[in-house]
Amino acid sequence: MVYLREILKHNKAKLFQHKNIELAAYLYIKSFSELSNNSFELSPEEEFALIGYKKEFVDTSKIVAIVTKTPIKGISAISNVYKFAGLYLSAKDELSQQMIEKYDQSDLKQKYFLTKVEPSLISRLSKDILEIDDDPLVNLVSTVLGVSLVNDTDFNTTLKSITRDCDIDVQMQILLEDVEDTFLQTKFINKNADEVVRDVMNNFSNAIQKIIKDRRVNHPTFRIEDEYDVQDILYVILKSIFPTLREEDPIPKVGGKSTKIDLIIREEKILIEVKMIKIKDSNEIHFIEQLKVDFESYHQCKWLRKLFCFVYDPYKKTRDISNFNDLNGERRKGENNFNVEVIVVN
């Protein structure tokens, strides 16, 4: 799923190079707040479609006039699904029949797109998909809709085939982004990002036993000697779950000192700081003071919601765990605030 994220990221950048009605449709569905921040190069009829995507008022009689205009060489306002969808959003009652007709004439990919414009069509698509067996997209759409069980092999085969052989247009981009979101949600069903990160940290000591003690014959064990070793292992574990995880990102200097955040999950507004109490350390006091200083720098991250402080104490040097627990809770400075949670394992 990591490779899919990179493909989608690259393709999204390409979509933004063309200020057309397709981009307006994409933003309406996937990032409505960005729609008004973009300028477009559109035909007069597409300008009316853009009004629909922006959810702005327009005289519906003008929309009906465009849609019912006599086709020129067989091409009408309904021919381009992106233009039609925008026009439909401005006059749903008047164009409801045209929407049904457009849906019935569409292939599976386009039907899925139309359900994003008119959600009431989802029930129809859920029934239709059970009768489709000649479209490779069935596995992906079924996964998103949750209407049938798709085994991992079929799902991955379909995904690789589509991303390798097909051009990723706006409709496919929307579907694949929904596939990725669904995959990440169902992988850790009933758990939010904070809970997943917390579970990984609490199970860290158990998970690493395989590489520090139980390696196969003639394979060297891994040595965890400092916090960078801990950070690398934690990175590998979390990166498989959160594809957008990044490493150290310097934040603005506070009092002449620049702080580096160890791990970042920006989409979830999570920062992770990693510490290791080594054999030469006497107790946890130095680390407590270090964290308190770092907290002041984190107020510069105005988007920060949750700060996890992961402390690996393999030599059990912590004398009083409450010293760390006292750091937990809300941190406020001016208008900025974030929640701190310290997790200590050995």
Protein backbone atom coordinates (compact mmCIF):
# COMPACT_ATOMS: atom_id res chain seq x y z
CA MET A 1 0.00 0.00 0.00
CA VAL A 2 3.02 2.28 0.40
CA TYR A 3 3.71 2.19 -3.34
CA LEU A 4 0.08 3.19 -4.00
CA ARG A 5 0.48 6.29 -1.85
CA GLU A 6 3.49 7.37 -3.91
CA ILE A 7 1.65 6.79 -7.20
CA LEU A 8 -1.35 8.79 -6.03
CA LYS A 9 0.83 11.60 -4.73
CA HIS A 10 2.66 11.85 -8.05
CA ASN A 11 -0.55 11.69 -10.08
CA LYS A 12 -2.26 14.30 -7.92
CA ALA A 13 0.55 16.72 -8.66
CA LYS A 14 -0.07 16.12 -12.38
CA LEU A 15 -3.80 16.79 -11.97
CA PHE A 16 -3.08 20.24 -10.55
CA GLN A 17 -1.09 21.19 -13.64
CA HIS A 18 -4.30 21.37 -15.66
CA LYS A 19 -6.80 23.94 -14.44
CA ASN A 20 -9.73 22.22 -16.10
CA ILE A 21 -13.19 21.01 -15.12
CA GLU A 22 -11.74 17.62 -14.17
CA LEU A 23 -9.68 19.27 -11.43
CA ALA A 24 -12.78 21.11 -10.20
CA ALA A 25 -14.63 17.79 -9.94
CA TYR A 26 -11.72 16.21 -8.05
CA LEU A 27 -11.53 19.08 -5.55
CA TYR A 28 -15.29 19.04 -4.99
CA ILE A 29 -15.12 15.37 -4.02
CA LYS A 30 -11.77 15.12 -2.26
CA SER A 31 -10.83 18.58 -0.98
CA PHE A 32 -13.74 21.01 -1.21
CA SER A 33 -12.02 23.68 0.91
CA GLU A 34 -9.31 24.04 -1.77
CA LEU A 35 -11.78 24.60 -4.60
CA SER A 36 -12.11 28.35 -4.09
CA ASN A 37 -8.34 28.75 -3.86
CA ASN A 38 -7.79 27.60 -7.44
CA SER A 39 -8.34 29.40 -10.73
CA PHE A 40 -9.58 27.50 -13.77
CA GLU A 41 -9.48 27.80 -17.56
CA LEU A 42 -13.00 26.83 -18.62
CA SER A 43 -15.51 27.22 -21.40
CA PRO A 44 -18.66 29.29 -20.71
CA GLU A 45 -20.73 26.15 -20.08
CA GLU A 46 -18.02 24.75 -17.80
CA GLU A 47 -18.12 27.99 -15.82
CA PHE A 48 -21.74 27.14 -14.97
CA ALA A 49 -20.60 23.64 -13.94
CA LEU A 50 -17.97 25.20 -11.67
CA ILE A 51 -20.73 27.15 -9.91
CA GLY A 52 -22.37 23.83 -9.12
CA TYR A 53 -19.15 22.37 -7.75
CA LYS A 54 -18.71 25.45 -5.58
CA LYS A 55 -22.29 25.06 -4.27
CA GLU A 56 -23.12 28.60 -5.32
CA PHE A 57 -26.56 29.81 -6.44
CA VAL A 58 -27.43 30.00 -10.12
CA ASP A 59 -30.67 30.36 -12.07
CA THR A 60 -31.63 26.73 -12.73
CA SER A 61 -33.35 27.68 -15.99
CA LYS A 62 -29.91 28.52 -17.41
CA ILE A 63 -28.64 25.08 -16.41
CA VAL A 64 -31.62 23.33 -17.98
CA ALA A 65 -31.15 25.35 -21.17
CA ILE A 66 -27.55 24.15 -21.44
CA VAL A 67 -28.39 20.49 -20.81
CA THR A 68 -31.38 20.39 -23.19
CA LYS A 69 -29.62 22.21 -26.01
CA THR A 70 -29.58 20.27 -29.28
CA PRO A 71 -26.43 18.17 -29.52
CA ILE A 72 -23.80 19.22 -32.07
CA LYS A 73 -22.40 16.23 -33.96
CA GLY A 74 -23.79 13.99 -31.25
CA ILE A 75 -22.04 15.86 -28.44
CA SER A 76 -24.13 17.47 -25.70
CA ALA A 77 -23.56 18.92 -22.23
CA ILE A 78 -24.16 15.44 -20.85
CA SER A 79 -21.36 13.91 -22.94
CA ASN A 80 -18.64 15.20 -20.64
CA VAL A 81 -19.36 13.63 -17.25
CA TYR A 82 -17.36 16.25 -15.35
CA LYS A 83 -19.27 19.12 -16.91
CA PHE A 84 -22.58 17.33 -16.49
CA ALA A 85 -21.90 16.54 -12.82
CA GLY A 86 -21.26 20.21 -12.03
CA LEU A 87 -24.39 21.30 -13.88
CA TYR A 88 -26.40 18.62 -12.08
CA LEU A 89 -25.30 19.93 -8.69
CA SER A 90 -26.92 23.28 -9.54
CA ALA A 91 -30.24 21.77 -10.62
CA LYS A 92 -30.69 18.36 -9.03
CA ASP A 93 -34.48 18.28 -9.21
CA GLU A 94 -34.60 19.37 -12.83
CA LEU A 95 -31.82 16.98 -13.97
CA SER A 96 -32.60 13.91 -11.86
CA GLN A 97 -33.75 11.89 -14.88
CA GLN A 98 -30.64 12.83 -16.86
CA MET A 99 -28.50 11.69 -13.93
CA ILE A 100 -30.17 8.27 -13.90
CA GLU A 101 -29.71 7.95 -17.65
CA LYS A 102 -26.05 8.95 -17.39
CA TYR A 103 -25.50 6.42 -14.61
CA ASP A 104 -27.13 3.60 -16.60
CA GLN A 105 -24.96 4.36 -19.63
CA SER A 106 -21.70 4.44 -17.65
CA ASP A 107 -19.04 1.84 -17.01
CA LEU A 108 -18.20 0.83 -13.44
CA LYS A 109 -15.51 3.45 -12.93
CA GLN A 110 -17.81 6.26 -14.02
CA LYS A 111 -20.71 4.87 -12.02
CA TYR A 112 -18.52 5.06 -8.92
CA PHE A 113 -17.65 8.67 -9.76
CA LEU A 114 -21.33 9.56 -10.11
CA THR A 115 -22.07 8.12 -6.66
CA LYS A 116 -19.61 10.65 -5.25
CA VAL A 117 -21.67 13.39 -6.88
CA GLU A 118 -25.06 11.87 -6.05
CA PRO A 119 -24.72 9.62 -2.94
CA SER A 120 -28.24 8.23 -3.33
CA LEU A 121 -26.88 6.17 -6.23
CA ILE A 122 -24.69 4.11 -3.87
CA SER A 123 -27.55 1.70 -3.15
CA ARG A 124 -27.94 1.07 -6.87
CA LEU A 125 -24.23 0.55 -7.33
CA SER A 126 -24.11 -1.90 -4.41
CA LYS A 127 -26.69 -4.03 -6.17
CA ASP A 128 -25.24 -3.58 -9.67
CA ILE A 129 -21.75 -4.66 -8.64
CA LEU A 130 -22.97 -8.09 -7.58
CA GLU A 131 -23.93 -8.77 -11.20
CA ILE A 132 -20.69 -7.52 -12.78
CA ASP A 133 -17.98 -10.10 -13.44
CA ASP A 134 -16.10 -8.74 -16.43
CA ASP A 135 -14.59 -5.58 -14.96
CA PRO A 136 -11.31 -5.72 -12.98
CA LEU A 137 -12.46 -2.76 -10.89
CA VAL A 138 -15.09 -4.92 -9.21
CA ASN A 139 -12.59 -5.99 -6.54
CA LEU A 140 -11.67 -2.41 -5.68
CA VAL A 141 -15.19 -0.97 -5.68
CA SER A 142 -16.45 -3.95 -3.65
CA THR A 143 -13.75 -3.28 -1.06
CA VAL A 144 -14.72 0.37 -0.71
CA LEU A 145 -18.45 -0.35 -0.56
CA GLY A 146 -18.03 -3.40 1.66
CA VAL A 147 -20.59 -5.34 -0.35
CA SER A 148 -18.55 -8.52 -0.78
CA LEU A 149 -15.45 -10.23 0.57
CA VAL A 150 -12.37 -9.93 -1.64
CA ASN A 151 -9.35 -12.07 -0.78
CA ASP A 152 -5.98 -10.35 -0.49
CA THR A 153 -4.52 -12.06 -3.56
CA ASP A 154 -7.28 -10.92 -5.92
CA PHE A 155 -7.26 -7.45 -4.40
CA ASN A 156 -3.51 -6.96 -4.78
CA THR A 157 -3.44 -8.45 -8.27
CA THR A 158 -6.15 -6.04 -9.41
CA LEU A 159 -4.47 -3.07 -7.77
CA LYS A 160 -1.08 -3.77 -9.34
CA SER A 161 -2.62 -4.35 -12.76
CA ILE A 162 -4.54 -1.09 -12.69
CA THR A 163 -1.68 1.07 -11.45
CA ARG A 164 0.69 -0.51 -13.98
CA ASP A 165 -1.40 -0.67 -17.13
CA CYS A 166 -4.00 2.08 -16.89
CA ASP A 167 -3.83 5.83 -17.11
CA ILE A 168 -4.97 7.24 -13.80
CA ASP A 169 -7.59 9.82 -14.71
CA VAL A 170 -9.59 11.82 -12.19
CA GLN A 171 -12.19 9.08 -11.75
CA MET A 172 -9.51 6.47 -11.08
CA GLN A 173 -7.61 8.81 -8.76
CA ILE A 174 -10.75 9.29 -6.64
CA LEU A 175 -11.44 5.55 -6.51
CA LEU A 176 -7.85 4.64 -5.61
CA GLU A 177 -7.69 7.28 -2.89
CA ASP A 178 -10.88 5.81 -1.43
CA VAL A 179 -9.36 2.32 -1.68
CA GLU A 180 -6.32 3.44 0.28
CA ASP A 181 -8.43 5.16 2.94
CA THR A 182 -10.64 2.08 3.27
CA PHE A 183 -7.64 -0.23 3.56
CA LEU A 184 -6.07 1.79 6.36
CA GLN A 185 -9.38 2.07 8.19
CA THR A 186 -10.23 -1.62 7.99
CA LYS A 187 -6.73 -2.76 8.84
CA PHE A 188 -7.15 -1.32 12.32
CA ILE A 189 -10.90 -1.40 12.61
CA ASN A 190 -12.34 0.36 15.65
CA LYS A 191 -8.95 1.98 16.42
CA ASN A 192 -7.98 5.57 15.76
CA ALA A 193 -4.42 6.71 14.99
CA ASP A 194 -3.59 7.46 18.63
CA GLU A 195 -4.65 3.98 19.70
CA VAL A 196 -2.61 2.32 16.96
CA VAL A 197 0.54 4.29 17.85
CA ARG A 198 0.00 3.53 21.54
CA ASP A 199 -0.38 -0.21 20.85
CA VAL A 200 2.81 -0.29 18.78
CA MET A 201 4.77 1.41 21.53
CA ASN A 202 3.40 -0.73 24.34
CA ASN A 203 4.26 -3.86 22.35
CA PHE A 204 7.70 -2.64 21.30
CA SER A 205 9.72 -4.70 23.79
CA ASN A 206 7.87 -7.87 22.89
CA ALA A 207 8.17 -7.26 19.15
CA ILE A 208 11.94 -6.71 19.12
CA GLN A 209 12.75 -9.96 20.91
CA LYS A 210 12.91 -11.67 17.52
CA ILE A 211 15.80 -9.49 16.35
CA ILE A 212 17.74 -9.00 19.60
CA LYS A 213 17.57 -12.56 20.96
CA ASP A 214 15.89 -15.08 18.71
CA ARG A 215 17.71 -14.66 15.40
CA ARG A 216 18.30 -17.70 13.21
CA VAL A 217 21.58 -19.60 13.39
CA ASN A 218 24.47 -17.73 11.73
CA HIS A 219 22.47 -14.50 11.63
CA PRO A 220 23.79 -11.75 13.90
CA THR A 221 21.48 -10.23 16.47
CA PHE A 222 20.67 -6.54 16.37
CA ARG A 223 22.23 -4.33 19.00
CA ILE A 224 20.14 -1.48 20.35
CA GLU A 225 22.64 0.94 21.83
CA ASP A 226 21.04 4.38 21.65
CA GLU A 227 17.86 6.25 20.83
CA TYR A 228 18.71 6.32 17.12
CA ASP A 229 18.54 2.53 17.02
CA VAL A 230 15.18 2.68 18.80
CA GLN A 231 13.97 5.36 16.41
CA ASP A 232 14.95 3.31 13.34
CA ILE A 233 13.06 0.24 14.55
CA LEU A 234 10.02 2.28 15.52
CA TYR A 235 10.15 3.97 12.12
CA VAL A 236 10.04 0.64 10.29
CA ILE A 237 7.07 -0.57 12.33
CA LEU A 238 5.03 2.63 12.05
CA LYS A 239 5.90 3.30 8.40
CA SER A 240 4.17 0.04 7.43
CA ILE A 241 1.00 1.37 9.06
CA PHE A 242 1.25 5.10 8.33
CA PRO A 243 2.78 5.49 4.83
CA THR A 244 3.20 9.25 5.26
CA LEU A 245 5.38 8.94 8.38
CA ARG A 246 8.48 11.14 8.13
CA GLU A 247 11.68 11.46 10.11
CA GLU A 248 13.32 14.41 11.81
CA ASP A 249 11.91 17.79 10.88
CA PRO A 250 13.64 20.83 12.41
CA ILE A 251 11.30 23.31 14.02
CA PRO A 252 11.98 27.03 14.67
CA LYS A 253 14.60 27.94 17.23
CA VAL A 254 13.54 28.79 20.75
CA GLY A 255 16.08 30.64 22.86
CA GLY A 256 18.76 30.07 20.22
CA LYS A 257 18.25 26.30 20.24
CA SER A 258 16.79 24.28 17.39
CA THR A 259 14.91 21.09 18.19
CA LYS A 260 14.42 18.13 15.87
CA ILE A 261 11.30 16.03 16.06
CA ASP A 262 12.07 12.33 15.71
CA LEU A 263 8.98 11.04 13.87
CA ILE A 264 6.06 12.87 12.29
CA ILE A 265 2.61 11.71 11.14
CA ARG A 266 1.45 15.08 9.83
CA GLU A 267 -1.97 13.93 8.56
CA GLU A 268 -2.87 12.72 12.05
CA LYS A 269 -1.22 15.78 13.69
CA ILE A 270 1.05 13.47 15.69
CA LEU A 271 4.69 13.96 16.70
CA ILE A 272 6.79 11.24 18.32
CA GLU A 273 9.91 11.89 20.38
CA VAL A 274 12.14 8.92 21.15
CA LYS A 275 14.43 8.53 24.18
CA MET A 276 16.54 5.63 25.43
CA ILE A 277 17.84 5.33 28.98
CA LYS A 278 21.22 3.67 28.47
CA ILE A 279 23.29 1.53 30.79
CA LYS A 280 25.51 4.44 31.79
CA ASP A 281 22.53 6.56 32.89
CA SER A 282 21.75 6.49 36.60
CA ASN A 283 18.03 7.31 36.50
CA GLU A 284 15.30 9.14 34.62
CA ILE A 285 15.77 12.66 36.04
CA HIS A 286 17.94 13.96 33.18
CA PHE A 287 15.37 12.77 30.63
CA ILE A 288 12.52 14.43 32.50
CA GLU A 289 14.27 17.79 32.35
CA GLN A 290 15.18 17.26 28.71
CA LEU A 291 11.56 16.62 27.77
CA LYS A 292 10.37 19.70 29.63
CA VAL A 293 12.73 21.87 27.59
CA ASP A 294 11.69 20.20 24.33
CA PHE A 295 8.02 20.81 25.08
CA GLU A 296 8.60 24.56 24.79
CA SER A 297 9.86 24.13 21.22
CA TYR A 298 6.89 22.03 20.19
CA HIS A 299 4.57 24.98 20.69
CA GLN A 300 6.02 26.27 17.41
CA CYS A 301 4.19 23.43 15.62
CA LYS A 302 0.82 25.15 15.46
CA TRP A 303 -0.81 22.12 13.79
CA LEU A 304 0.34 19.73 16.55
CA ARG A 305 -2.45 17.83 18.30
CA LYS A 306 -0.72 14.88 19.99
CA LEU A 307 2.85 14.43 21.20
CA PHE A 308 3.95 10.92 22.08
CA CYS A 309 7.16 10.61 24.07
CA PHE A 310 8.48 7.06 23.77
CA VAL A 311 11.05 6.13 26.42
CA TYR A 312 12.85 2.81 26.04
CA ASP A 313 14.37 1.73 29.35
CA PRO A 314 15.86 -1.76 28.75
CA TYR A 315 18.06 -1.60 31.85
CA LYS A 316 15.20 -0.58 34.14
CA LYS A 317 16.86 2.60 35.36
CA THR A 318 13.57 4.39 36.03
CA ARG A 319 13.16 4.75 39.78
CA ASP A 320 9.74 6.34 39.85
CA ILE A 321 7.43 6.04 36.83
CA SER A 322 5.26 8.84 38.18
CA ASN A 323 8.05 11.27 37.22
CA PHE A 324 7.17 10.55 33.61
CA ASN A 325 3.43 10.35 34.24
CA ASP A 326 3.49 13.87 35.64
CA LEU A 327 4.37 15.09 32.14
CA ASN A 328 1.13 13.75 30.67
CA GLY A 329 -1.76 16.03 29.78
CA GLU A 330 -2.50 19.27 27.97
CA ARG A 331 0.25 21.79 27.24
CA ARG A 332 -0.86 25.32 26.52
CA LYS A 333 1.05 28.40 25.44
CA GLY A 334 -0.86 31.34 24.07
CA GLU A 335 -3.30 30.07 21.47
CA ASN A 336 -1.40 26.82 20.88
CA ASN A 337 -2.05 23.63 22.80
CA PHE A 338 -1.33 19.93 22.39
CA ASN A 339 -1.67 16.76 24.41
CA VAL A 340 1.34 14.89 25.79
CA GLU A 341 1.48 11.16 26.45
CA VAL A 342 4.65 9.50 27.74
CA ILE A 343 5.03 5.74 27.27
CA VAL A 344 7.86 3.99 29.08
CA VAL A 345 8.77 0.37 28.25
CA ASN A 346 11.66 -1.90 29.21
